[in-house]
């Protein structure tokens, strides 16, 4: 149960960081793109809006992880959905990275995180459910 909670808290903190990044000035975002060697997105209002909206949604998913992490066994079915969602996220990152010809180091962390954490959630959920019954 402890491992399950730790994984969920790691996911929560990772996703909650989206709120912080969404609040950064656009110059900080463009500096990050320059740092990794990519052309920054156009500062058109719709681009900035969508970029910040996606990060805010990521933050909202972090709140979902906080709810799960506080009492994982209360939300058994949601844990399974979350595990599938993380696996799907990892596969989408892999396909997207390959599709758009990005260097592996750009998307590898997301692929590894999504797949490994998704699998670990399945494993630890099953163990926690068995321990709860016994």
Protein backbone atom coordinates (compact mmCIF):
# COMPACT_ATOMS: atom_id res chain seq x y z
CA UNK A 1 0.00 0.00 0.00
CA UNK A 2 2.87 2.36 0.82
CA UNK A 3 4.47 1.87 -2.62
CA UNK A 4 1.12 2.53 -4.29
CA UNK A 5 0.73 5.80 -2.39
CA UNK A 6 4.31 6.86 -3.18
CA UNK A 7 3.77 6.32 -6.91
CA UNK A 8 0.50 8.23 -6.83
CA UNK A 9 2.11 11.14 -4.96
CA UNK A 10 4.96 11.25 -7.50
CA UNK A 11 2.37 11.43 -10.29
CA UNK A 12 0.44 14.12 -8.39
CA UNK A 13 3.47 16.33 -7.88
CA UNK A 14 4.58 15.85 -11.49
CA UNK A 15 1.19 16.88 -12.84
CA UNK A 16 0.61 19.68 -10.34
CA UNK A 17 3.76 21.33 -11.69
CA UNK A 18 1.66 22.12 -14.78
CA UNK A 19 -0.04 24.88 -12.76
CA UNK A 20 3.35 26.48 -12.05
CA UNK A 21 4.55 26.26 -15.64
CA UNK A 22 1.23 27.65 -16.92
CA UNK A 23 1.78 30.75 -14.78
CA UNK A 24 5.32 31.42 -16.05
CA UNK A 25 5.84 34.41 -18.32
CA UNK A 26 5.94 33.52 -22.01
CA UNK A 27 9.60 34.60 -22.12
CA UNK A 28 10.44 31.75 -19.72
CA UNK A 29 8.68 29.29 -22.02
CA UNK A 30 10.56 30.54 -25.07
CA UNK A 31 13.83 30.43 -23.10
CA UNK A 32 13.16 26.74 -22.33
CA UNK A 33 12.61 25.98 -26.01
CA UNK A 34 15.82 27.82 -26.92
CA UNK A 35 17.67 25.90 -24.20
CA UNK A 36 16.68 22.53 -25.66
CA UNK A 37 17.47 23.73 -29.17
CA UNK A 38 14.00 24.15 -30.64
CA UNK A 39 12.24 27.06 -32.26
CA UNK A 40 9.85 28.52 -29.66
CA UNK A 41 6.15 28.45 -30.50
CA UNK A 42 4.74 31.56 -32.10
CA UNK A 43 3.53 34.05 -29.49
CA UNK A 44 0.14 34.28 -31.18
CA UNK A 45 -2.63 34.64 -28.59
CA UNK A 46 -4.27 31.31 -29.53
CA UNK A 47 -0.94 29.47 -29.19
CA UNK A 48 -0.23 30.96 -25.77
CA UNK A 49 -3.81 30.27 -24.66
CA UNK A 50 -3.74 26.61 -25.77
CA UNK A 51 -0.28 26.05 -24.28
CA UNK A 52 -1.42 27.39 -20.91
CA UNK A 53 -4.74 25.54 -21.13
CA UNK A 54 -2.98 22.21 -21.67
CA UNK A 55 -0.72 22.86 -18.69
CA UNK A 56 -3.72 23.79 -16.53
CA UNK A 57 -5.41 20.53 -17.54
CA UNK A 58 -2.24 18.70 -16.53
CA UNK A 59 -2.50 20.43 -13.14
CA UNK A 60 -6.12 19.30 -12.81
CA UNK A 61 -5.00 15.73 -13.44
CA UNK A 62 -2.55 16.29 -10.58
CA UNK A 63 -5.50 17.05 -8.31
CA UNK A 64 -7.05 13.74 -9.43
CA UNK A 65 -3.81 11.97 -8.42
CA UNK A 66 -3.88 13.71 -5.01
CA UNK A 67 -7.41 12.39 -4.42
CA UNK A 68 -6.29 8.88 -5.37
CA UNK A 69 -3.10 9.06 -3.30
CA UNK A 70 -4.93 10.00 -0.10
CA UNK A 71 -6.99 6.78 -0.06
CA UNK A 72 -6.20 4.51 -3.03
CA UNK A 73 -8.32 1.56 -1.95
CA UNK A 74 -11.44 3.69 -1.89
CA UNK A 75 -11.04 4.21 -5.65
CA UNK A 76 -10.09 0.73 -6.88
CA UNK A 77 -11.72 1.05 -10.30
CA UNK A 78 -10.22 4.50 -10.82
CA UNK A 79 -6.76 3.10 -10.07
CA UNK A 80 -7.18 0.64 -12.89
CA UNK A 81 -8.37 3.38 -15.24
CA UNK A 82 -5.40 5.51 -14.16
CA UNK A 83 -2.98 2.68 -14.91
CA UNK A 84 -4.46 2.25 -18.38
CA UNK A 85 -4.34 6.03 -18.86
CA UNK A 86 -0.64 6.16 -17.99
CA UNK A 87 0.12 3.30 -20.37
CA UNK A 88 -1.84 5.12 -23.09
CA UNK A 89 0.07 8.32 -22.31
CA UNK A 90 3.39 6.49 -22.69
CA UNK A 91 2.37 4.98 -26.02
CA UNK A 92 1.08 8.35 -27.29
CA UNK A 93 4.39 9.99 -26.36
CA UNK A 94 6.29 7.25 -28.20
CA UNK A 95 4.15 7.46 -31.33
CA UNK A 96 4.16 11.28 -31.28
CA UNK A 97 7.91 11.49 -30.77
CA UNK A 98 8.56 9.13 -33.66
CA UNK A 99 5.87 10.70 -35.86
CA UNK A 100 7.29 14.20 -35.49
CA UNK A 101 10.92 13.11 -35.75
CA UNK A 102 11.96 14.37 -32.32
CA UNK A 103 15.23 13.28 -30.77
CA UNK A 104 14.65 10.34 -28.42
CA UNK A 105 15.83 12.27 -25.37
CA UNK A 106 12.88 14.67 -25.76
CA UNK A 107 10.16 12.03 -25.32
CA UNK A 108 11.93 9.03 -23.77
CA UNK A 109 11.36 10.21 -20.20
CA UNK A 110 7.62 10.52 -20.75
CA UNK A 111 7.44 7.13 -22.46
CA UNK A 112 9.40 5.41 -19.70
CA UNK A 113 7.45 7.20 -16.95
CA UNK A 114 4.04 6.39 -18.45
CA UNK A 115 4.76 2.74 -19.14
CA UNK A 116 6.64 1.92 -15.95
CA UNK A 117 4.30 3.80 -13.61
CA UNK A 118 1.25 2.34 -15.39
CA UNK A 119 2.58 -1.19 -14.92
CA UNK A 120 3.56 -0.50 -11.30
CA UNK A 121 0.07 0.81 -10.56
CA UNK A 122 -1.40 -2.46 -11.84
CA UNK A 123 1.00 -4.49 -9.69
CA UNK A 124 0.68 -2.45 -6.49
CA UNK A 125 -3.09 -2.07 -6.85
CA UNK A 126 -3.46 -5.83 -7.02
CA UNK A 127 -1.21 -6.33 -3.97
CA UNK A 128 -3.02 -3.63 -1.98
CA UNK A 129 -6.44 -5.11 -2.81
CA UNK A 130 -5.26 -8.59 -1.73
CA UNK A 131 -3.79 -7.23 1.51
CA UNK A 132 -7.00 -5.35 2.21
CA UNK A 133 -9.06 -8.54 1.86
CA UNK A 134 -6.76 -10.65 3.99
